[in-house]
Amino acid sequence: MAQTRRVQRQSHSGGGPVAHPPIVSANQWLDARKKHLTHEKELTKHYDRITAERRHLPMVKVVKDYVFEDRGGKHAFKALFAGSRQLIVYHFMFDPTWEKGCPSCTWYIDSLGDLSMLADNDTAFALVSLAPFAKLEAYRKERGWDVPWYSSFGTDFNYDFHVTNDPKVRPAEYNYRTLAENKAHDSPNNLLGEEHGLSVFFTLDGDVFHTYSAYGRGTELLADARLLLDATPYGRQQEFEDSPPGWPQRPTYG
């Protein structure tokens, strides 16, 4: 589990009147809350439909022999699964020239809770960054993290999954849009250098397959073990889920 750090934030009042929600009677509050509850339930049902659709997505074989480095040395891609069927990779922004990792990616790892549920569901979790492993290891120790972290330095991995953009290597792309498309949508991403994302992989008969990737705000909710499982082909593996035939499932509250 990533170490939690407390950050003191400045008050938003600025010395003036304190901004606050409207003050109403108990009955008015209850009416407003019930109305909002109907919208929350609609969102939950829509979310279930989206995750069901995700579990029905196809997968594509990873054909390159990527080599990653961690404290144990050099490893083939299959080693990142640590014996699990599924692998979730968080693409942590760390340029080879940087001495410290991306602040936003750092906050993401700091916010992670207990991920033991992933292993219980045959799923591994790891960080991958472009910087050399020595820099990753120094920063990991500084932050007090125990999350597996691998360097993809010297490989095409970051470029192939569009979390490092260099026009000298290949045309820029992020969140399934080209540079021109991102500019047309007024995207805040400049598509030069490091970007963040999350990718999911599946292993079958000794081969590795890519099943899913999310970028930008698409990764915001994926910081909880259950929601991370929702990004995988097998999902939470519970009976309430609409999954393809043969998917592993257990009683929802079992």
C-alpha atoms as a PDB file:
ATOM      1  CA  MET A   1       0.000   0.000   0.000  1.00  0.00           C
ATOM      2  CA  ALA A   2       1.299   3.451  -0.865  1.00  0.00           C
ATOM      3  CA  GLN A   3       2.219   5.717   2.011  1.00  0.00           C
ATOM      4  CA  THR A   4      -0.243   8.520   2.761  1.00  0.00           C
ATOM      5  CA  ARG A   5       1.086  12.024   3.241  1.00  0.00           C
ATOM      6  CA  ARG A   6      -0.866  14.865   4.770  1.00  0.00           C
ATOM      7  CA  VAL A   7      -0.725  18.172   2.868  1.00  0.00           C
ATOM      8  CA  GLN A   8      -1.818  21.439   4.481  1.00  0.00           C
ATOM      9  CA  ARG A   9      -3.977  23.462   2.119  1.00  0.00           C
ATOM     10  CA  GLN A  10      -4.753  27.147   2.160  1.00  0.00           C
ATOM     11  CA  SER A  11      -8.247  28.250   3.181  1.00  0.00           C
ATOM     12  CA  HIS A  12     -10.506  29.288   0.302  1.00  0.00           C
ATOM     13  CA  SER A  13     -12.325  31.941   2.364  1.00  0.00           C
ATOM     14  CA  GLY A  14      -9.689  34.609   1.745  1.00  0.00           C
ATOM     15  CA  GLY A  15     -10.817  36.409   4.872  1.00  0.00           C
ATOM     16  CA  GLY A  16     -14.279  37.166   3.454  1.00  0.00           C
ATOM     17  CA  PRO A  17     -17.661  35.434   3.917  1.00  0.00           C
ATOM     18  CA  VAL A  18     -17.392  31.647   3.931  1.00  0.00           C
ATOM     19  CA  ALA A  19     -18.896  30.043   0.824  1.00  0.00           C
ATOM     20  CA  HIS A  20     -21.374  27.315   1.816  1.00  0.00           C
ATOM     21  CA  PRO A  21     -24.346  25.268   0.544  1.00  0.00           C
ATOM     22  CA  PRO A  22     -27.846  26.765   0.951  1.00  0.00           C
ATOM     23  CA  ILE A  23     -29.356  26.383   4.416  1.00  0.00           C
ATOM     24  CA  VAL A  24     -32.805  24.771   4.288  1.00  0.00           C
ATOM     25  CA  SER A  25     -35.266  22.882   6.492  1.00  0.00           C
ATOM     26  CA  ALA A  26     -34.872  19.144   7.146  1.00  0.00           C
ATOM     27  CA  ASN A  27     -37.769  18.344   4.789  1.00  0.00           C
ATOM     28  CA  GLN A  28     -36.319  20.476   2.000  1.00  0.00           C
ATOM     29  CA  TRP A  29     -32.942  18.795   2.459  1.00  0.00           C
ATOM     30  CA  LEU A  30     -34.550  15.344   2.267  1.00  0.00           C
ATOM     31  CA  ASP A  31     -36.463  16.231  -0.915  1.00  0.00           C
ATOM     32  CA  ALA A  32     -33.281  17.489  -2.565  1.00  0.00           C
ATOM     33  CA  ARG A  33     -31.320  14.454  -1.430  1.00  0.00           C
ATOM     34  CA  LYS A  34     -33.917  11.995  -2.778  1.00  0.00           C
ATOM     35  CA  LYS A  35     -33.933  13.775  -6.132  1.00  0.00           C
ATOM     36  CA  HIS A  36     -30.164  13.541  -6.263  1.00  0.00           C
ATOM     37  CA  LEU A  37     -30.339   9.867  -5.250  1.00  0.00           C
ATOM     38  CA  THR A  38     -32.348   9.029  -8.380  1.00  0.00           C
ATOM     39  CA  HIS A  39     -29.541  10.547 -10.473  1.00  0.00           C
ATOM     40  CA  GLU A  40     -26.928   8.591  -8.505  1.00  0.00           C
ATOM     41  CA  LYS A  41     -28.801   5.336  -9.158  1.00  0.00           C
ATOM     42  CA  GLU A  42     -29.013   6.195 -12.862  1.00  0.00           C
ATOM     43  CA  LEU A  43     -25.252   6.737 -12.864  1.00  0.00           C
ATOM     44  CA  THR A  44     -24.646   3.401 -11.112  1.00  0.00           C
ATOM     45  CA  LYS A  45     -26.761   1.528 -13.657  1.00  0.00           C
ATOM     46  CA  HIS A  46     -25.017   3.297 -16.531  1.00  0.00           C
ATOM     47  CA  TYR A  47     -21.635   2.481 -14.994  1.00  0.00           C
ATOM     48  CA  ASP A  48     -22.623  -1.199 -14.801  1.00  0.00           C
ATOM     49  CA  ARG A  49     -23.529  -1.107 -18.497  1.00  0.00           C
ATOM     50  CA  ILE A  50     -20.170   0.462 -19.377  1.00  0.00           C
ATOM     51  CA  THR A  51     -18.155  -2.085 -17.399  1.00  0.00           C
ATOM     52  CA  ALA A  52     -20.191  -4.928 -18.929  1.00  0.00           C
ATOM     53  CA  GLU A  53     -19.384  -3.577 -22.392  1.00  0.00           C
ATOM     54  CA  ARG A  54     -15.707  -3.383 -21.387  1.00  0.00           C
ATOM     55  CA  ARG A  55     -15.729  -7.052 -20.345  1.00  0.00           C
ATOM     56  CA  HIS A  56     -16.944  -7.932 -23.833  1.00  0.00           C
ATOM     57  CA  LEU A  57     -14.128  -6.067 -25.608  1.00  0.00           C
ATOM     58  CA  PRO A  58     -11.696  -8.107 -27.740  1.00  0.00           C
ATOM     59  CA  MET A  59      -7.940  -8.236 -27.132  1.00  0.00           C
ATOM     60  CA  VAL A  60      -4.853  -7.943 -29.332  1.00  0.00           C
ATOM     61  CA  LYS A  61      -1.615  -9.896 -29.030  1.00  0.00           C
ATOM     62  CA  VAL A  62       1.493  -8.021 -27.884  1.00  0.00           C
ATOM     63  CA  VAL A  63       4.115  -9.077 -30.424  1.00  0.00           C
ATOM     64  CA  LYS A  64       7.188  -7.146 -29.234  1.00  0.00           C
ATOM     65  CA  ASP A  65       9.571  -8.674 -26.722  1.00  0.00           C
ATOM     66  CA  TYR A  66       9.721  -5.779 -24.270  1.00  0.00           C
ATOM     67  CA  VAL A  67      12.354  -5.975 -21.541  1.00  0.00           C
ATOM     68  CA  PHE A  68      11.779  -4.232 -18.202  1.00  0.00           C
ATOM     69  CA  GLU A  69      14.077  -3.616 -15.238  1.00  0.00           C
ATOM     70  CA  ASP A  70      13.445  -3.657 -11.497  1.00  0.00           C
ATOM     71  CA  ARG A  71      15.458  -4.515  -8.372  1.00  0.00           C
ATOM     72  CA  GLY A  72      15.742  -8.095  -9.596  1.00  0.00           C
ATOM     73  CA  GLY A  73      17.304  -7.126 -12.923  1.00  0.00           C
ATOM     74  CA  LYS A  74      15.964  -7.489 -16.458  1.00  0.00           C
ATOM     75  CA  HIS A  75      12.614  -9.182 -17.111  1.00  0.00           C
ATOM     76  CA  ALA A  76      10.415 -10.206 -20.007  1.00  0.00           C
ATOM     77  CA  PHE A  77       6.882  -8.776 -20.082  1.00  0.00           C
ATOM     78  CA  LYS A  78       5.359 -11.996 -18.740  1.00  0.00           C
ATOM     79  CA  ALA A  79       7.280 -11.560 -15.464  1.00  0.00           C
ATOM     80  CA  LEU A  80       5.260  -8.431 -14.613  1.00  0.00           C
ATOM     81  CA  PHE A  81       2.177 -10.644 -14.193  1.00  0.00           C
ATOM     82  CA  ALA A  82       3.817 -12.291 -11.148  1.00  0.00           C
ATOM     83  CA  GLY A  83       1.926 -15.496 -11.902  1.00  0.00           C
ATOM     84  CA  SER A  84      -1.471 -13.806 -12.348  1.00  0.00           C
ATOM     85  CA  ARG A  85      -3.782 -14.055 -15.340  1.00  0.00           C
ATOM     86  CA  GLN A  86      -4.335 -10.285 -15.591  1.00  0.00           C
ATOM     87  CA  LEU A  87      -2.023  -7.293 -15.236  1.00  0.00           C
ATOM     88  CA  ILE A  88      -2.846  -3.638 -14.649  1.00  0.00           C
ATOM     89  CA  VAL A  89      -0.078  -1.181 -15.542  1.00  0.00           C
ATOM     90  CA  TYR A  90      -0.165   2.427 -14.422  1.00  0.00           C
ATOM     91  CA  HIS A  91       1.955   4.508 -16.796  1.00  0.00           C
ATOM     92  CA  PHE A  92       3.703   6.748 -14.266  1.00  0.00           C
ATOM     93  CA  MET A  93       5.172   9.892 -15.841  1.00  0.00           C
ATOM     94  CA  PHE A  94       8.921   9.987 -15.209  1.00  0.00           C
ATOM     95  CA  ASP A  95      11.121  11.383 -17.982  1.00  0.00           C
ATOM     96  CA  PRO A  96      14.693  10.050 -18.066  1.00  0.00           C
ATOM     97  CA  THR A  97      16.009  13.588 -17.466  1.00  0.00           C
ATOM     98  CA  TRP A  98      13.874  14.159 -14.341  1.00  0.00           C
ATOM     99  CA  GLU A  99      15.074  13.578 -10.792  1.00  0.00           C
ATOM    100  CA  LYS A 100      11.559  13.203  -9.369  1.00  0.00           C
ATOM    101  CA  GLY A 101       8.311  11.711 -10.648  1.00  0.00           C
ATOM    102  CA  CYS A 102       5.264  13.600 -11.888  1.00  0.00           C
ATOM    103  CA  PRO A 103       3.403  15.264  -8.962  1.00  0.00           C
ATOM    104  CA  SER A 104      -0.036  14.196 -10.219  1.00  0.00           C
ATOM    105  CA  CYS A 105       1.083  10.589 -10.709  1.00  0.00           C
ATOM    106  CA  THR A 106       2.600  10.755  -7.237  1.00  0.00           C
ATOM    107  CA  TRP A 107      -0.745  11.830  -5.766  1.00  0.00           C
ATOM    108  CA  TYR A 108      -2.401   8.955  -7.591  1.00  0.00           C
ATOM    109  CA  ILE A 109      -0.090   6.374  -6.020  1.00  0.00           C
ATOM    110  CA  ASP A 110      -0.384   8.039  -2.611  1.00  0.00           C
ATOM    111  CA  SER A 111      -4.182   7.687  -2.870  1.00  0.00           C
ATOM    112  CA  LEU A 112      -4.138   3.932  -3.504  1.00  0.00           C
ATOM    113  CA  GLY A 113      -5.578   1.850  -0.699  1.00  0.00           C
ATOM    114  CA  ASP A 114      -5.236  -1.857  -0.009  1.00  0.00           C
ATOM    115  CA  LEU A 115      -4.864  -3.644  -3.357  1.00  0.00           C
ATOM    116  CA  SER A 116      -4.843  -7.196  -1.977  1.00  0.00           C
ATOM    117  CA  MET A 117      -8.234  -7.763  -3.624  1.00  0.00           C
ATOM    118  CA  LEU A 118      -6.440  -7.677  -6.986  1.00  0.00           C
ATOM    119  CA  ALA A 119      -4.245 -10.656  -6.150  1.00  0.00           C
ATOM    120  CA  ASP A 120      -7.310 -12.458  -4.777  1.00  0.00           C
ATOM    121  CA  ASN A 121      -8.811 -12.045  -8.249  1.00  0.00           C
ATOM    122  CA  ASP A 122      -5.788 -13.265 -10.214  1.00  0.00           C
ATOM    123  CA  THR A 123      -4.663  -9.736 -11.103  1.00  0.00           C
ATOM    124  CA  ALA A 124      -1.292  -8.018 -10.660  1.00  0.00           C
ATOM    125  CA  PHE A 125      -0.627  -4.269 -10.466  1.00  0.00           C
ATOM    126  CA  ALA A 126       2.588  -2.491 -11.425  1.00  0.00           C
ATOM    127  CA  LEU A 127       3.979   0.898 -12.373  1.00  0.00           C
ATOM    128  CA  VAL A 128       5.993   1.367 -15.551  1.00  0.00           C
ATOM    129  CA  SER A 129       8.031   4.483 -16.372  1.00  0.00           C
ATOM    130  CA  LEU A 130      10.536   5.496 -19.031  1.00  0.00           C
ATOM    131  CA  ALA A 131      13.222   6.739 -16.630  1.00  0.00           C
ATOM    132  CA  PRO A 132      16.145   4.430 -15.775  1.00  0.00           C
ATOM    133  CA  PHE A 133      15.429   2.124 -12.855  1.00  0.00           C
ATOM    134  CA  ALA A 134      17.953   3.768 -10.515  1.00  0.00           C
ATOM    135  CA  LYS A 135      15.895   6.984 -10.583  1.00  0.00           C
ATOM    136  CA  LEU A 136      12.642   5.099 -10.025  1.00  0.00           C
ATOM    137  CA  GLU A 137      14.100   3.201  -7.093  1.00  0.00           C
ATOM    138  CA  ALA A 138      15.433   6.375  -5.459  1.00  0.00           C
ATOM    139  CA  TYR A 139      12.031   8.057  -5.754  1.00  0.00           C
ATOM    140  CA  ARG A 140      10.187   4.942  -4.564  1.00  0.00           C
ATOM    141  CA  LYS A 141      12.305   4.882  -1.406  1.00  0.00           C
ATOM    142  CA  GLU A 142      11.752   8.605  -0.887  1.00  0.00           C
ATOM    143  CA  ARG A 143       7.982   8.118  -1.067  1.00  0.00           C
ATOM    144  CA  GLY A 144       7.935   4.937   0.993  1.00  0.00           C
ATOM    145  CA  TRP A 145       6.023   2.918  -1.633  1.00  0.00           C
ATOM    146  CA  ASP A 146       6.016  -0.858  -1.984  1.00  0.00           C
ATOM    147  CA  VAL A 147       4.210  -1.008  -5.335  1.00  0.00           C
ATOM    148  CA  PRO A 148       6.162  -2.947  -8.017  1.00  0.00           C
ATOM    149  CA  TRP A 149       7.817  -0.414 -10.338  1.00  0.00           C
ATOM    150  CA  TYR A 150       9.557  -1.234 -13.611  1.00  0.00           C
ATOM    151  CA  SER A 151      11.654   0.807 -16.015  1.00  0.00           C
ATOM    152  CA  SER A 152      10.928   0.555 -19.742  1.00  0.00           C
ATOM    153  CA  PHE A 153      14.060   2.568 -20.568  1.00  0.00           C
ATOM    154  CA  GLY A 154      15.558   1.639 -23.934  1.00  0.00           C
ATOM    155  CA  THR A 155      12.374  -0.040 -25.220  1.00  0.00           C
ATOM    156  CA  ASP A 156       9.434   1.044 -27.389  1.00  0.00           C
ATOM    157  CA  PHE A 157       6.890   0.273 -24.666  1.00  0.00           C
ATOM    158  CA  ASN A 158       6.037   3.864 -23.697  1.00  0.00           C
ATOM    159  CA  TYR A 159       5.892   4.963 -27.327  1.00  0.00           C
ATOM    160  CA  ASP A 160       3.754   2.001 -28.379  1.00  0.00           C
ATOM    161  CA  PHE A 161       1.209   2.750 -25.652  1.00  0.00           C
ATOM    162  CA  HIS A 162       1.284   6.500 -26.343  1.00  0.00           C
ATOM    163  CA  VAL A 163       2.462   7.691 -22.943  1.00  0.00           C
ATOM    164  CA  THR A 164       5.717   9.107 -24.320  1.00  0.00           C
ATOM    165  CA  ASN A 165       5.415  11.251 -27.435  1.00  0.00           C
ATOM    166  CA  ASP A 166       8.399  12.158 -29.571  1.00  0.00           C
ATOM    167  CA  PRO A 167       7.840  13.187 -33.219  1.00  0.00           C
ATOM    168  CA  LYS A 168      11.299  11.811 -34.000  1.00  0.00           C
ATOM    169  CA  VAL A 169      10.064   8.350 -33.023  1.00  0.00           C
ATOM    170  CA  ARG A 170       6.494   8.366 -34.360  1.00  0.00           C
ATOM    171  CA  PRO A 171       3.522  10.709 -34.896  1.00  0.00           C
ATOM    172  CA  ALA A 172       2.085  11.951 -31.609  1.00  0.00           C
ATOM    173  CA  GLU A 173      -1.100  10.354 -30.265  1.00  0.00           C
ATOM    174  CA  TYR A 174      -2.854  10.529 -26.899  1.00  0.00           C
ATOM    175  CA  ASN A 175      -6.233   9.258 -25.722  1.00  0.00           C
ATOM    176  CA  TYR A 176      -6.875   7.793 -29.182  1.00  0.00           C
ATOM    177  CA  ARG A 177      -6.483  11.167 -30.887  1.00  0.00           C
ATOM    178  CA  THR A 178      -3.763  12.519 -33.136  1.00  0.00           C
ATOM    179  CA  LEU A 179      -2.020  15.812 -32.427  1.00  0.00           C
ATOM    180  CA  ALA A 180      -4.381  17.622 -34.822  1.00  0.00           C
ATOM    181  CA  GLU A 181      -7.454  16.020 -33.238  1.00  0.00           C
ATOM    182  CA  ASN A 182      -6.312  16.941 -29.739  1.00  0.00           C
ATOM    183  CA  LYS A 183      -5.777  20.546 -30.833  1.00  0.00           C
ATOM    184  CA  ALA A 184      -9.228  20.596 -32.441  1.00  0.00           C
ATOM    185  CA  HIS A 185     -10.748  19.447 -29.134  1.00  0.00           C
ATOM    186  CA  ASP A 186      -8.742  22.063 -27.213  1.00  0.00           C
ATOM    187  CA  SER A 187      -7.031  19.320 -25.217  1.00  0.00           C
ATOM    188  CA  PRO A 188      -4.704  20.445 -22.399  1.00  0.00           C
ATOM    189  CA  ASN A 189      -2.225  17.723 -23.422  1.00  0.00           C
ATOM    190  CA  ASN A 190       0.570  19.045 -25.637  1.00  0.00           C
ATOM    191  CA  LEU A 191       1.492  15.541 -26.903  1.00  0.00           C
ATOM    192  CA  LEU A 192       5.170  16.117 -26.388  1.00  0.00           C
ATOM    193  CA  GLY A 193       7.078  14.064 -23.850  1.00  0.00           C
ATOM    194  CA  GLU A 194       5.460  12.200 -20.972  1.00  0.00           C
ATOM    195  CA  GLU A 195       1.750  11.513 -20.437  1.00  0.00           C
ATOM    196  CA  HIS A 196      -0.065   9.306 -17.928  1.00  0.00           C
ATOM    197  CA  GLY A 197      -2.387   6.395 -18.512  1.00  0.00           C
ATOM    198  CA  LEU A 198      -3.457   2.932 -17.412  1.00  0.00           C
ATOM    199  CA  SER A 199      -3.312  -0.259 -19.474  1.00  0.00           C
ATOM    200  CA  VAL A 200      -4.613  -3.774 -18.878  1.00  0.00           C
ATOM    201  CA  PHE A 201      -3.076  -6.994 -20.155  1.00  0.00           C
ATOM    202  CA  PHE A 202      -4.107 -10.663 -20.198  1.00  0.00           C
ATOM    203  CA  THR A 203      -1.942 -13.737 -20.529  1.00  0.00           C
ATOM    204  CA  LEU A 204      -3.035 -16.856 -22.403  1.00  0.00           C
ATOM    205  CA  ASP A 205      -0.970 -19.911 -23.374  1.00  0.00           C
ATOM    206  CA  GLY A 206       2.275 -18.060 -22.692  1.00  0.00           C
ATOM    207  CA  ASP A 207       1.355 -15.011 -24.780  1.00  0.00           C
ATOM    208  CA  VAL A 208       0.497 -11.489 -23.593  1.00  0.00           C
ATOM    209  CA  PHE A 209      -2.530  -9.593 -24.894  1.00  0.00           C
ATOM    210  CA  HIS A 210      -3.551  -5.937 -24.587  1.00  0.00           C
ATOM    211  CA  THR A 211      -7.192  -5.557 -23.558  1.00  0.00           C
ATOM    212  CA  TYR A 212      -7.718  -1.946 -22.469  1.00  0.00           C
ATOM    213  CA  SER A 213      -6.075   1.454 -21.999  1.00  0.00           C
ATOM    214  CA  ALA A 214      -7.398   4.668 -20.476  1.00  0.00           C
ATOM    215  CA  TYR A 215      -5.831   8.106 -20.539  1.00  0.00           C
ATOM    216  CA  GLY A 216      -6.426  11.606 -19.206  1.00  0.00           C
ATOM    217  CA  ARG A 217      -9.452  11.867 -16.935  1.00  0.00           C
ATOM    218  CA  GLY A 218     -10.335   8.299 -17.828  1.00  0.00           C
ATOM    219  CA  THR A 219      -7.931   7.173 -15.108  1.00  0.00           C
ATOM    220  CA  GLU A 220      -9.333   9.365 -12.322  1.00  0.00           C
ATOM    221  CA  LEU A 221     -11.677   6.794 -10.781  1.00  0.00           C
ATOM    222  CA  LEU A 222      -9.277   3.874 -11.159  1.00  0.00           C
ATOM    223  CA  ALA A 223      -7.683   4.242  -7.730  1.00  0.00           C
ATOM    224  CA  ASP A 224      -9.666   1.631  -5.800  1.00  0.00           C
ATOM    225  CA  ALA A 225      -9.241  -2.149  -5.998  1.00  0.00           C
ATOM    226  CA  ARG A 226     -12.845  -2.757  -7.111  1.00  0.00           C
ATOM    227  CA  LEU A 227     -12.727  -0.055  -9.771  1.00  0.00           C
ATOM    228  CA  LEU A 228      -9.357  -1.284 -10.988  1.00  0.00           C
ATOM    229  CA  LEU A 229     -10.876  -4.761 -11.389  1.00  0.00           C
ATOM    230  CA  ASP A 230     -13.664  -3.139 -13.419  1.00  0.00           C
ATOM    231  CA  ALA A 231     -11.000  -2.203 -15.978  1.00  0.00           C
ATOM    232  CA  THR A 232     -10.024  -5.860 -16.509  1.00  0.00           C
ATOM    233  CA  PRO A 233     -11.625  -8.495 -18.770  1.00  0.00           C
ATOM    234  CA  TYR A 234     -12.793 -10.591 -15.792  1.00  0.00           C
ATOM    235  CA  GLY A 235     -14.072  -7.606 -13.792  1.00  0.00           C
ATOM    236  CA  ARG A 236     -14.915  -8.168 -10.116  1.00  0.00           C
ATOM    237  CA  GLN A 237     -15.815 -11.787 -10.911  1.00  0.00           C
ATOM    238  CA  GLN A 238     -19.150 -11.555  -9.106  1.00  0.00           C
ATOM    239  CA  GLU A 239     -22.541 -12.906 -10.139  1.00  0.00           C
ATOM    240  CA  PHE A 240     -24.230  -9.496 -10.450  1.00  0.00           C
ATOM    241  CA  GLU A 241     -22.008  -8.676 -13.426  1.00  0.00           C
ATOM    242  CA  ASP A 242     -23.086  -9.154 -17.027  1.00  0.00           C
ATOM    243  CA  SER A 243     -20.050 -11.087 -18.278  1.00  0.00           C
ATOM    244  CA  PRO A 244     -19.423 -13.435 -21.210  1.00  0.00           C
ATOM    245  CA  PRO A 245     -20.119 -17.166 -20.691  1.00  0.00           C
ATOM    246  CA  GLY A 246     -17.340 -18.987 -18.865  1.00  0.00           C
ATOM    247  CA  TRP A 247     -16.044 -15.935 -17.007  1.00  0.00           C
ATOM    248  CA  PRO A 248     -15.018 -16.734 -13.397  1.00  0.00           C
ATOM    249  CA  GLN A 249     -17.722 -15.565 -10.997  1.00  0.00           C
ATOM    250  CA  ARG A 250     -18.628 -16.027  -7.343  1.00  0.00           C
ATOM    251  CA  PRO A 251     -21.645 -14.959  -5.249  1.00  0.00           C
ATOM    252  CA  THR A 252     -21.831 -11.174  -5.059  1.00  0.00           C
ATOM    253  CA  TYR A 253     -21.898 -11.090  -1.284  1.00  0.00           C
ATOM    254  CA  GLY A 254     -20.188 -14.429  -0.762  1.00  0.00           C
END
